[in-house]
């Protein structure tokens, strides 16, 4: 399992029930370095890890509160436990 997958699963597990996480949280969690914006380089790998986990049914990818197909979503997205569509709710801790 990649560091990005591990971070995504840990953050979702730590979130309050019914809450989603922002992918930037996972990127920040795996980034090691001093560059204030260095975590941004991890966003593509976080997206790929999220797609992989969603295809396996371990998480769901949400856009505008609805579960989307991991094979073809665009735009802003959030990550959460697999299940029914929910309103996108921000996790309080970034």
PDB file of N, CA and C in Angstrom:
ATOM      1  N   UNK A   1       0.849  -1.171   0.000  1.00  0.00           N
ATOM      2  CA  UNK A   1       0.000   0.000   0.000  1.00  0.00           C
ATOM      3  C   UNK A   1       0.900   1.240   0.000  1.00  0.00           C
ATOM      4  N   UNK A   2       0.548   2.202  -0.829  1.00  0.00           N
ATOM      5  CA  UNK A   2       1.354   3.416  -0.948  1.00  0.00           C
ATOM      6  C   UNK A   2       1.145   4.327   0.266  1.00  0.00           C
ATOM      7  N   UNK A   3       2.089   5.244   0.510  1.00  0.00           N
ATOM      8  CA  UNK A   3       1.906   6.203   1.597  1.00  0.00           C
ATOM      9  C   UNK A   3       0.633   7.040   1.414  1.00  0.00           C
ATOM     10  N   UNK A   4       0.312   7.358   0.160  1.00  0.00           N
ATOM     11  CA  UNK A   4      -0.894   8.141  -0.113  1.00  0.00           C
ATOM     12  C   UNK A   4      -2.152   7.353   0.259  1.00  0.00           C
ATOM     13  N   UNK A   5      -2.188   6.073  -0.098  1.00  0.00           N
ATOM     14  CA  UNK A   5      -3.338   5.235   0.260  1.00  0.00           C
ATOM     15  C   UNK A   5      -3.464   5.118   1.774  1.00  0.00           C
ATOM     16  N   UNK A   6      -2.346   4.903   2.439  1.00  0.00           N
ATOM     17  CA  UNK A   6      -2.348   4.803   3.896  1.00  0.00           C
ATOM     18  C   UNK A   6      -2.875   6.079   4.527  1.00  0.00           C
ATOM     19  N   UNK A   7      -2.408   7.231   4.040  1.00  0.00           N
ATOM     20  CA  UNK A   7      -2.856   8.517   4.581  1.00  0.00           C
ATOM     21  C   UNK A   7      -4.351   8.724   4.349  1.00  0.00           C
ATOM     22  N   UNK A   8      -4.826   8.416   3.159  1.00  0.00           N
ATOM     23  CA  UNK A   8      -6.253   8.582   2.850  1.00  0.00           C
ATOM     24  C   UNK A   8      -7.097   7.736   3.804  1.00  0.00           C
ATOM     25  N   UNK A   9      -6.752   6.469   3.941  1.00  0.00           N
ATOM     26  CA  UNK A   9      -7.531   5.582   4.806  1.00  0.00           C
ATOM     27  C   UNK A   9      -7.482   6.020   6.261  1.00  0.00           C
ATOM     28  N   UNK A  10      -6.318   6.454   6.731  1.00  0.00           N
ATOM     29  CA  UNK A  10      -6.193   6.904   8.123  1.00  0.00           C
ATOM     30  C   UNK A  10      -7.009   8.173   8.367  1.00  0.00           C
ATOM     31  N   UNK A  11      -6.963   9.112   7.436  1.00  0.00           N
ATOM     32  CA  UNK A  11      -7.711  10.357   7.605  1.00  0.00           C
ATOM     33  C   UNK A  11      -9.219  10.119   7.574  1.00  0.00           C
ATOM     34  N   UNK A  12      -9.669   9.246   6.688  1.00  0.00           N
ATOM     35  CA  UNK A  12     -11.097   8.926   6.631  1.00  0.00           C
ATOM     36  C   UNK A  12     -11.530   8.225   7.924  1.00  0.00           C
ATOM     37  N   UNK A  13     -10.704   7.319   8.420  1.00  0.00           N
ATOM     38  CA  UNK A  13     -11.025   6.608   9.661  1.00  0.00           C
ATOM     39  C   UNK A  13     -11.093   7.563  10.848  1.00  0.00           C
ATOM     40  N   UNK A  14     -10.259   8.605  10.837  1.00  0.00           N
ATOM     41  CA  UNK A  14     -10.225   9.560  11.938  1.00  0.00           C
ATOM     42  C   UNK A  14     -11.321  10.624  11.840  1.00  0.00           C
ATOM     43  N   UNK A  15     -11.919  10.763  10.665  1.00  0.00           N
ATOM     44  CA  UNK A  15     -12.965  11.771  10.483  1.00  0.00           C
ATOM     45  C   UNK A  15     -14.230  11.352  11.221  1.00  0.00           C
ATOM     46  N   UNK A  16     -15.019  12.336  11.583  1.00  0.00           N
ATOM     47  CA  UNK A  16     -16.298  12.045  12.231  1.00  0.00           C
ATOM     48  C   UNK A  16     -17.194  11.303  11.244  1.00  0.00           C
ATOM     49  N   UNK A  17     -18.066  10.449  11.749  1.00  0.00           N
ATOM     50  CA  UNK A  17     -18.968   9.717  10.851  1.00  0.00           C
ATOM     51  C   UNK A  17     -19.752  10.675   9.945  1.00  0.00           C
ATOM     52  N   UNK A  18     -19.837  10.313   8.677  1.00  0.00           N
ATOM     53  CA  UNK A  18     -20.567  11.134   7.721  1.00  0.00           C
ATOM     54  C   UNK A  18     -19.781  12.302   7.162  1.00  0.00           C
ATOM     55  N   UNK A  19     -18.524  12.436   7.570  1.00  0.00           N
ATOM     56  CA  UNK A  19     -17.681  13.527   7.084  1.00  0.00           C
ATOM     57  C   UNK A  19     -16.761  13.037   5.990  1.00  0.00           C
ATOM     58  N   UNK A  20     -16.379  13.954   5.118  1.00  0.00           N
ATOM     59  CA  UNK A  20     -15.424  13.643   4.064  1.00  0.00           C
ATOM     60  C   UNK A  20     -14.130  14.388   4.341  1.00  0.00           C
ATOM     61  N   UNK A  21     -13.081  13.994   3.642  1.00  0.00           N
ATOM     62  CA  UNK A  21     -11.797  14.694   3.778  1.00  0.00           C
ATOM     63  C   UNK A  21     -11.442  15.348   2.449  1.00  0.00           C
ATOM     64  N   UNK A  22     -10.643  16.365   2.549  1.00  0.00           N
ATOM     65  CA  UNK A  22     -10.121  17.052   1.377  1.00  0.00           C
ATOM     66  C   UNK A  22      -8.851  16.319   0.947  1.00  0.00           C
ATOM     67  N   UNK A  23      -8.658  16.077  -0.340  1.00  0.00           N
ATOM     68  CA  UNK A  23      -7.446  15.387  -0.789  1.00  0.00           C
ATOM     69  C   UNK A  23      -6.155  16.107  -0.382  1.00  0.00           C
ATOM     70  N   UNK A  24      -6.231  17.414  -0.177  1.00  0.00           N
ATOM     71  CA  UNK A  24      -5.028  18.138   0.233  1.00  0.00           C
ATOM     72  C   UNK A  24      -4.556  17.694   1.610  1.00  0.00           C
ATOM     73  N   UNK A  25      -5.484  17.205   2.440  1.00  0.00           N
ATOM     74  CA  UNK A  25      -5.086  16.696   3.753  1.00  0.00           C
ATOM     75  C   UNK A  25      -4.147  15.507   3.603  1.00  0.00           C
ATOM     76  N   UNK A  26      -4.458  14.620   2.669  1.00  0.00           N
ATOM     77  CA  UNK A  26      -3.599  13.452   2.435  1.00  0.00           C
ATOM     78  C   UNK A  26      -2.260  13.879   1.850  1.00  0.00           C
ATOM     79  N   UNK A  27      -2.290  14.843   0.938  1.00  0.00           N
ATOM     80  CA  UNK A  27      -1.037  15.330   0.346  1.00  0.00           C
ATOM     81  C   UNK A  27      -0.142  15.949   1.416  1.00  0.00           C
ATOM     82  N   UNK A  28      -0.735  16.702   2.316  1.00  0.00           N
ATOM     83  CA  UNK A  28       0.046  17.306   3.404  1.00  0.00           C
ATOM     84  C   UNK A  28       0.586  16.250   4.351  1.00  0.00           C
ATOM     85  N   UNK A  29      -0.193  15.183   4.562  1.00  0.00           N
ATOM     86  CA  UNK A  29       0.218  14.124   5.484  1.00  0.00           C
ATOM     87  C   UNK A  29       1.427  13.346   4.974  1.00  0.00           C
ATOM     88  N   UNK A  30       1.548  13.184   3.658  1.00  0.00           N
ATOM     89  CA  UNK A  30       2.669  12.406   3.124  1.00  0.00           C
ATOM     90  C   UNK A  30       3.883  13.262   2.786  1.00  0.00           C
ATOM     91  N   UNK A  31       3.705  14.576   2.735  1.00  0.00           N
ATOM     92  CA  UNK A  31       4.822  15.450   2.361  1.00  0.00           C
ATOM     93  C   UNK A  31       5.830  15.560   3.496  1.00  0.00           C
ATOM     94  N   UNK A  32       7.079  15.402   3.150  1.00  0.00           N
ATOM     95  CA  UNK A  32       8.179  15.596   4.087  1.00  0.00           C
ATOM     96  C   UNK A  32       9.105  16.617   3.449  1.00  0.00           C
ATOM     97  N   UNK A  33       9.304  17.722   4.113  1.00  0.00           N
ATOM     98  CA  UNK A  33      10.188  18.747   3.575  1.00  0.00           C
ATOM     99  C   UNK A  33       9.893  20.097   4.196  1.00  0.00           C
ATOM    100  N   UNK A  34      10.653  21.072   3.766  1.00  0.00           N
ATOM    101  CA  UNK A  34      10.529  22.402   4.341  1.00  0.00           C
ATOM    102  C   UNK A  34       9.812  23.389   3.442  1.00  0.00           C
ATOM    103  N   UNK A  35       9.646  23.066   2.170  1.00  0.00           N
ATOM    104  CA  UNK A  35       8.961  23.953   1.245  1.00  0.00           C
ATOM    105  C   UNK A  35       7.497  24.056   1.655  1.00  0.00           C
ATOM    106  N   UNK A  36       7.045  25.270   1.892  1.00  0.00           N
ATOM    107  CA  UNK A  36       5.691  25.499   2.388  1.00  0.00           C
ATOM    108  C   UNK A  36       4.619  24.941   1.446  1.00  0.00           C
ATOM    109  N   UNK A  37       4.883  24.931   0.161  1.00  0.00           N
ATOM    110  CA  UNK A  37       3.915  24.423  -0.806  1.00  0.00           C
ATOM    111  C   UNK A  37       4.346  23.099  -1.443  1.00  0.00           C
ATOM    112  N   UNK A  38       5.334  22.442  -0.889  1.00  0.00           N
ATOM    113  CA  UNK A  38       5.846  21.201  -1.448  1.00  0.00           C
ATOM    114  C   UNK A  38       4.825  20.079  -1.477  1.00  0.00           C
ATOM    115  N   UNK A  39       3.852  20.111  -0.588  1.00  0.00           N
ATOM    116  CA  UNK A  39       2.811  19.080  -0.545  1.00  0.00           C
ATOM    117  C   UNK A  39       2.012  19.029  -1.849  1.00  0.00           C
ATOM    118  N   UNK A  40       1.971  20.140  -2.571  1.00  0.00           N
ATOM    119  CA  UNK A  40       1.191  20.193  -3.816  1.00  0.00           C
ATOM    120  C   UNK A  40       1.694  19.181  -4.855  1.00  0.00           C
ATOM    121  N   UNK A  41       2.966  18.863  -4.803  1.00  0.00           N
ATOM    122  CA  UNK A  41       3.531  17.883  -5.749  1.00  0.00           C
ATOM    123  C   UNK A  41       2.940  16.490  -5.538  1.00  0.00           C
ATOM    124  N   UNK A  42       2.345  16.258  -4.376  1.00  0.00           N
ATOM    125  CA  UNK A  42       1.758  14.957  -4.068  1.00  0.00           C
ATOM    126  C   UNK A  42       0.297  14.844  -4.505  1.00  0.00           C
ATOM    127  N   UNK A  43      -0.313  15.916  -4.927  1.00  0.00           N
ATOM    128  CA  UNK A  43      -1.730  15.866  -5.304  1.00  0.00           C
ATOM    129  C   UNK A  43      -2.034  14.872  -6.426  1.00  0.00           C
ATOM    130  N   UNK A  44      -1.225  14.807  -7.496  1.00  0.00           N
ATOM    131  CA  UNK A  44      -1.519  13.794  -8.528  1.00  0.00           C
ATOM    132  C   UNK A  44      -1.455  12.360  -7.998  1.00  0.00           C
ATOM    133  N   UNK A  45      -0.495  12.077  -7.126  1.00  0.00           N
ATOM    134  CA  UNK A  45      -0.401  10.715  -6.595  1.00  0.00           C
ATOM    135  C   UNK A  45      -1.516  10.433  -5.590  1.00  0.00           C
ATOM    136  N   UNK A  46      -1.987  11.459  -4.886  1.00  0.00           N
ATOM    137  CA  UNK A  46      -3.142  11.288  -3.990  1.00  0.00           C
ATOM    138  C   UNK A  46      -4.382  10.972  -4.815  1.00  0.00           C
ATOM    139  N   UNK A  47      -4.554  11.677  -5.926  1.00  0.00           N
ATOM    140  CA  UNK A  47      -5.706  11.419  -6.797  1.00  0.00           C
ATOM    141  C   UNK A  47      -5.660   9.978  -7.326  1.00  0.00           C
ATOM    142  N   UNK A  48      -4.496   9.529  -7.770  1.00  0.00           N
ATOM    143  CA  UNK A  48      -4.368   8.167  -8.278  1.00  0.00           C
ATOM    144  C   UNK A  48      -4.627   7.138  -7.173  1.00  0.00           C
ATOM    145  N   UNK A  49      -4.137   7.419  -5.972  1.00  0.00           N
ATOM    146  CA  UNK A  49      -4.378   6.515  -4.844  1.00  0.00           C
ATOM    147  C   UNK A  49      -5.873   6.465  -4.520  1.00  0.00           C
ATOM    148  N   UNK A  50      -6.539   7.613  -4.572  1.00  0.00           N
ATOM    149  CA  UNK A  50      -7.977   7.660  -4.300  1.00  0.00           C
ATOM    150  C   UNK A  50      -8.751   6.860  -5.345  1.00  0.00           C
ATOM    151  N   UNK A  51      -8.370   6.997  -6.596  1.00  0.00           N
ATOM    152  CA  UNK A  51      -9.021   6.241  -7.664  1.00  0.00           C
ATOM    153  C   UNK A  51      -8.840   4.737  -7.430  1.00  0.00           C
ATOM    154  N   UNK A  52      -7.631   4.346  -7.083  1.00  0.00           N
ATOM    155  CA  UNK A  52      -7.343   2.929  -6.824  1.00  0.00           C
ATOM    156  C   UNK A  52      -8.186   2.404  -5.666  1.00  0.00           C
ATOM    157  N   UNK A  53      -8.238   3.155  -4.570  1.00  0.00           N
ATOM    158  CA  UNK A  53      -9.020   2.724  -3.403  1.00  0.00           C
ATOM    159  C   UNK A  53     -10.511   2.681  -3.717  1.00  0.00           C
ATOM    160  N   UNK A  54     -10.993   3.636  -4.497  1.00  0.00           N
ATOM    161  CA  UNK A  54     -12.416   3.665  -4.859  1.00  0.00           C
ATOM    162  C   UNK A  54     -12.767   2.484  -5.761  1.00  0.00           C
ATOM    163  N   UNK A  55     -11.888   2.154  -6.681  1.00  0.00           N
ATOM    164  CA  UNK A  55     -12.136   0.999  -7.553  1.00  0.00           C
ATOM    165  C   UNK A  55     -12.214  -0.294  -6.753  1.00  0.00           C
ATOM    166  N   UNK A  56     -11.468  -0.367  -5.654  1.00  0.00           N
ATOM    167  CA  UNK A  56     -11.485  -1.545  -4.793  1.00  0.00           C
ATOM    168  C   UNK A  56     -12.649  -1.509  -3.801  1.00  0.00           C
ATOM    169  N   UNK A  57     -13.380  -0.408  -3.761  1.00  0.00           N
ATOM    170  CA  UNK A  57     -14.523  -0.289  -2.856  1.00  0.00           C
ATOM    171  C   UNK A  57     -14.174   0.105  -1.436  1.00  0.00           C
ATOM    172  N   UNK A  58     -12.936   0.540  -1.199  1.00  0.00           N
ATOM    173  CA  UNK A  58     -12.515   0.898   0.145  1.00  0.00           C
ATOM    174  C   UNK A  58     -12.924   2.311   0.534  1.00  0.00           C
ATOM    175  N   UNK A  59     -13.087   3.185  -0.446  1.00  0.00           N
ATOM    176  CA  UNK A  59     -13.525   4.561  -0.202  1.00  0.00           C
ATOM    177  C   UNK A  59     -14.502   4.939  -1.311  1.00  0.00           C
ATOM    178  N   UNK A  60     -15.113   6.107  -1.151  1.00  0.00           N
ATOM    179  CA  UNK A  60     -15.910   6.693  -2.231  1.00  0.00           C
ATOM    180  C   UNK A  60     -15.355   8.071  -2.533  1.00  0.00           C
ATOM    181  N   UNK A  61     -15.478   8.469  -3.769  1.00  0.00           N
ATOM    182  CA  UNK A  61     -15.088   9.802  -4.205  1.00  0.00           C
ATOM    183  C   UNK A  61     -16.383  10.586  -4.394  1.00  0.00           C
ATOM    184  N   UNK A  62     -16.438  11.765  -3.802  1.00  0.00           N
ATOM    185  CA  UNK A  62     -17.642  12.587  -3.815  1.00  0.00           C
ATOM    186  C   UNK A  62     -17.402  13.895  -4.555  1.00  0.00           C
ATOM    187  N   UNK A  63     -18.354  14.280  -5.374  1.00  0.00           N
ATOM    188  CA  UNK A  63     -18.390  15.596  -6.006  1.00  0.00           C
ATOM    189  C   UNK A  63     -19.778  16.159  -5.746  1.00  0.00           C
ATOM    190  N   UNK A  64     -19.810  17.327  -5.168  1.00  0.00           N
ATOM    191  CA  UNK A  64     -21.087  17.982  -4.836  1.00  0.00           C
ATOM    192  C   UNK A  64     -21.989  17.066  -4.026  1.00  0.00           C
ATOM    193  N   UNK A  65     -21.391  16.297  -3.115  1.00  0.00           N
ATOM    194  CA  UNK A  65     -22.145  15.458  -2.213  1.00  0.00           C
ATOM    195  C   UNK A  65     -22.617  14.141  -2.779  1.00  0.00           C
ATOM    196  N   UNK A  66     -22.260  13.843  -4.013  1.00  0.00           N
ATOM    197  CA  UNK A  66     -22.697  12.594  -4.633  1.00  0.00           C
ATOM    198  C   UNK A  66     -21.497  11.731  -4.982  1.00  0.00           C
ATOM    199  N   UNK A  67     -21.682  10.442  -4.856  1.00  0.00           N
ATOM    200  CA  UNK A  67     -20.616   9.511  -5.230  1.00  0.00           C
ATOM    201  C   UNK A  67     -20.458   9.552  -6.743  1.00  0.00           C
ATOM    202  N   UNK A  68     -19.206   9.634  -7.184  1.00  0.00           N
ATOM    203  CA  UNK A  68     -18.919   9.680  -8.613  1.00  0.00           C
ATOM    204  C   UNK A  68     -18.109   8.459  -9.027  1.00  0.00           C
ATOM    205  N   UNK A  69     -18.152   8.180 -10.304  1.00  0.00           N
ATOM    206  CA  UNK A  69     -17.390   7.081 -10.883  1.00  0.00           C
ATOM    207  C   UNK A  69     -15.902   7.435 -10.816  1.00  0.00           C
ATOM    208  N   UNK A  70     -15.089   6.595 -10.181  1.00  0.00           N
ATOM    209  CA  UNK A  70     -13.657   6.909 -10.081  1.00  0.00           C
ATOM    210  C   UNK A  70     -12.949   6.922 -11.434  1.00  0.00           C
ATOM    211  N   UNK A  71     -13.577   6.391 -12.447  1.00  0.00           N
ATOM    212  CA  UNK A  71     -12.948   6.317 -13.763  1.00  0.00           C
ATOM    213  C   UNK A  71     -13.147   7.562 -14.606  1.00  0.00           C
ATOM    214  N   UNK A  72     -13.945   8.525 -14.155  1.00  0.00           N
ATOM    215  CA  UNK A  72     -14.176   9.664 -15.034  1.00  0.00           C
ATOM    216  C   UNK A  72     -14.677  10.919 -14.363  1.00  0.00           C
ATOM    217  N   UNK A  73     -14.279  11.203 -13.153  1.00  0.00           N
ATOM    218  CA  UNK A  73     -14.744  12.422 -12.494  1.00  0.00           C
ATOM    219  C   UNK A  73     -13.826  13.595 -12.809  1.00  0.00           C
ATOM    220  N   UNK A  74     -14.385  14.784 -12.713  1.00  0.00           N
ATOM    221  CA  UNK A  74     -13.615  16.013 -12.960  1.00  0.00           C
ATOM    222  C   UNK A  74     -13.897  16.996 -11.835  1.00  0.00           C
ATOM    223  N   UNK A  75     -13.009  17.937 -11.710  1.00  0.00           N
ATOM    224  CA  UNK A  75     -13.236  19.040 -10.790  1.00  0.00           C
ATOM    225  C   UNK A  75     -12.897  18.730  -9.346  1.00  0.00           C
ATOM    226  N   UNK A  76     -13.470  19.533  -8.475  1.00  0.00           N
ATOM    227  CA  UNK A  76     -13.234  19.453  -7.040  1.00  0.00           C
ATOM    228  C   UNK A  76     -13.875  18.174  -6.514  1.00  0.00           C
ATOM    229  N   UNK A  77     -13.157  17.472  -5.660  1.00  0.00           N
ATOM    230  CA  UNK A  77     -13.670  16.234  -5.104  1.00  0.00           C
ATOM    231  C   UNK A  77     -13.248  16.091  -3.658  1.00  0.00           C
ATOM    232  N   UNK A  78     -13.960  15.226  -2.958  1.00  0.00           N
ATOM    233  CA  UNK A  78     -13.643  14.905  -1.580  1.00  0.00           C
ATOM    234  C   UNK A  78     -13.655  13.394  -1.444  1.00  0.00           C
ATOM    235  N   UNK A  79     -13.113  12.898  -0.345  1.00  0.00           N
ATOM    236  CA  UNK A  79     -12.981  11.468  -0.136  1.00  0.00           C
ATOM    237  C   UNK A  79     -13.667  11.069   1.159  1.00  0.00           C
ATOM    238  N   UNK A  80     -14.332   9.932   1.127  1.00  0.00           N
ATOM    239  CA  UNK A  80     -15.019   9.479   2.324  1.00  0.00           C
ATOM    240  C   UNK A  80     -15.209   7.986   2.336  1.00  0.00           C
ATOM    241  N   UNK A  81     -15.835   7.549   3.402  1.00  0.00           N
ATOM    242  CA  UNK A  81     -16.137   6.134   3.535  1.00  0.00           C
ATOM    243  C   UNK A  81     -17.083   5.714   2.420  1.00  0.00           C
ATOM    244  N   UNK A  82     -16.989   4.481   1.996  1.00  0.00           N
ATOM    245  CA  UNK A  82     -17.902   4.035   0.944  1.00  0.00           C
ATOM    246  C   UNK A  82     -19.327   4.018   1.470  1.00  0.00           C
ATOM    247  N   UNK A  83     -20.249   4.345   0.604  1.00  0.00           N
ATOM    248  CA  UNK A  83     -21.636   4.327   1.038  1.00  0.00           C
ATOM    249  C   UNK A  83     -22.501   5.224   0.202  1.00  0.00           C
ATOM    250  N   UNK A  84     -23.568   5.668   0.820  1.00  0.00           N
ATOM    251  CA  UNK A  84     -24.546   6.505   0.140  1.00  0.00           C
ATOM    252  C   UNK A  84     -23.993   7.915  -0.047  1.00  0.00           C
ATOM    253  N   UNK A  85     -24.560   8.623  -1.016  1.00  0.00           N
ATOM    254  CA  UNK A  85     -24.181  10.014  -1.245  1.00  0.00           C
ATOM    255  C   UNK A  85     -24.496  10.832  -0.006  1.00  0.00           C
ATOM    256  N   UNK A  86     -23.684  11.825   0.231  1.00  0.00           N
ATOM    257  CA  UNK A  86     -23.873  12.694   1.385  1.00  0.00           C
ATOM    258  C   UNK A  86     -23.500  14.110   0.998  1.00  0.00           C
ATOM    259  N   UNK A  87     -23.945  15.034   1.777  1.00  0.00           N
ATOM    260  CA  UNK A  87     -23.530  16.421   1.548  1.00  0.00           C
ATOM    261  C   UNK A  87     -22.054  16.522   1.882  1.00  0.00           C
ATOM    262  N   UNK A  88     -21.317  17.236   1.062  1.00  0.00           N
ATOM    263  CA  UNK A  88     -19.888  17.414   1.348  1.00  0.00           C
ATOM    264  C   UNK A  88     -19.754  18.242   2.612  1.00  0.00           C
ATOM    265  N   UNK A  89     -19.137  17.661   3.591  1.00  0.00           N
ATOM    266  CA  UNK A  89     -18.938  18.346   4.851  1.00  0.00           C
ATOM    267  C   UNK A  89     -17.449  18.370   5.113  1.00  0.00           C
ATOM    268  N   UNK A  90     -16.959  19.514   5.427  1.00  0.00           N
ATOM    269  CA  UNK A  90     -15.523  19.664   5.635  1.00  0.00           C
ATOM    270  C   UNK A  90     -15.142  19.131   7.006  1.00  0.00           C
ATOM    271  N   UNK A  91     -14.055  18.409   7.019  1.00  0.00           N
ATOM    272  CA  UNK A  91     -13.483  17.963   8.268  1.00  0.00           C
ATOM    273  C   UNK A  91     -12.924  19.187   8.973  1.00  0.00           C
ATOM    274  N   UNK A  92     -13.106  19.306  10.251  1.00  0.00           N
ATOM    275  CA  UNK A  92     -12.734  20.511  10.967  1.00  0.00           C
ATOM    276  C   UNK A  92     -11.232  20.734  11.027  1.00  0.00           C
ATOM    277  N   UNK A  93     -10.445  19.698  11.057  1.00  0.00           N
ATOM    278  CA  UNK A  93      -8.991  19.839  11.160  1.00  0.00           C
ATOM    279  C   UNK A  93      -8.353  19.633   9.793  1.00  0.00           C
ATOM    280  N   UNK A  94      -7.623  20.605   9.319  1.00  0.00           N
ATOM    281  CA  UNK A  94      -6.904  20.433   8.048  1.00  0.00           C
ATOM    282  C   UNK A  94      -5.521  20.026   8.306  1.00  0.00           C
TER     283      UNK A  94
END
